[in-house]
């Protein structure tokens, strides 16, 4: 179990994270 970009394993890239944040807001 080794985290890649963030602590959450289902986040492949920072772009996905930004996309999720954009959707949440």
C-alpha atoms as a PDB file:
ATOM      1  CA  UNK A   1       0.000   0.000   0.000  1.00  0.00           C
ATOM      2  CA  UNK A   2       1.988   2.973  -1.269  1.00  0.00           C
ATOM      3  CA  UNK A   3       0.273   6.324  -1.919  1.00  0.00           C
ATOM      4  CA  UNK A   4       1.219   7.922  -5.224  1.00  0.00           C
ATOM      5  CA  UNK A   5       0.069  11.524  -5.477  1.00  0.00           C
ATOM      6  CA  UNK A   6      -2.113  11.908  -2.426  1.00  0.00           C
ATOM      7  CA  UNK A   7      -3.288  10.007   0.605  1.00  0.00           C
ATOM      8  CA  UNK A   8      -6.331   8.862  -1.342  1.00  0.00           C
ATOM      9  CA  UNK A   9      -5.569   5.793  -3.486  1.00  0.00           C
ATOM     10  CA  UNK A  10      -8.351   6.507  -5.997  1.00  0.00           C
ATOM     11  CA  UNK A  11      -6.814   9.833  -7.049  1.00  0.00           C
ATOM     12  CA  UNK A  12      -4.534   9.187 -10.055  1.00  0.00           C
ATOM     13  CA  UNK A  13      -3.517  12.788 -10.754  1.00  0.00           C
ATOM     14  CA  UNK A  14      -3.890  16.282  -9.419  1.00  0.00           C
ATOM     15  CA  UNK A  15      -6.037  17.088 -12.439  1.00  0.00           C
ATOM     16  CA  UNK A  16      -8.647  14.643 -11.255  1.00  0.00           C
ATOM     17  CA  UNK A  17      -8.547  16.221  -7.835  1.00  0.00           C
ATOM     18  CA  UNK A  18      -9.063  19.677  -9.333  1.00  0.00           C
ATOM     19  CA  UNK A  19     -11.896  18.330 -11.445  1.00  0.00           C
ATOM     20  CA  UNK A  20     -13.584  16.838  -8.388  1.00  0.00           C
ATOM     21  CA  UNK A  21     -13.159  20.047  -6.435  1.00  0.00           C
ATOM     22  CA  UNK A  22     -14.591  21.997  -9.365  1.00  0.00           C
ATOM     23  CA  UNK A  23     -17.630  19.718  -9.430  1.00  0.00           C
ATOM     24  CA  UNK A  24     -18.121  19.960  -5.681  1.00  0.00           C
ATOM     25  CA  UNK A  25     -18.085  23.733  -5.706  1.00  0.00           C
END
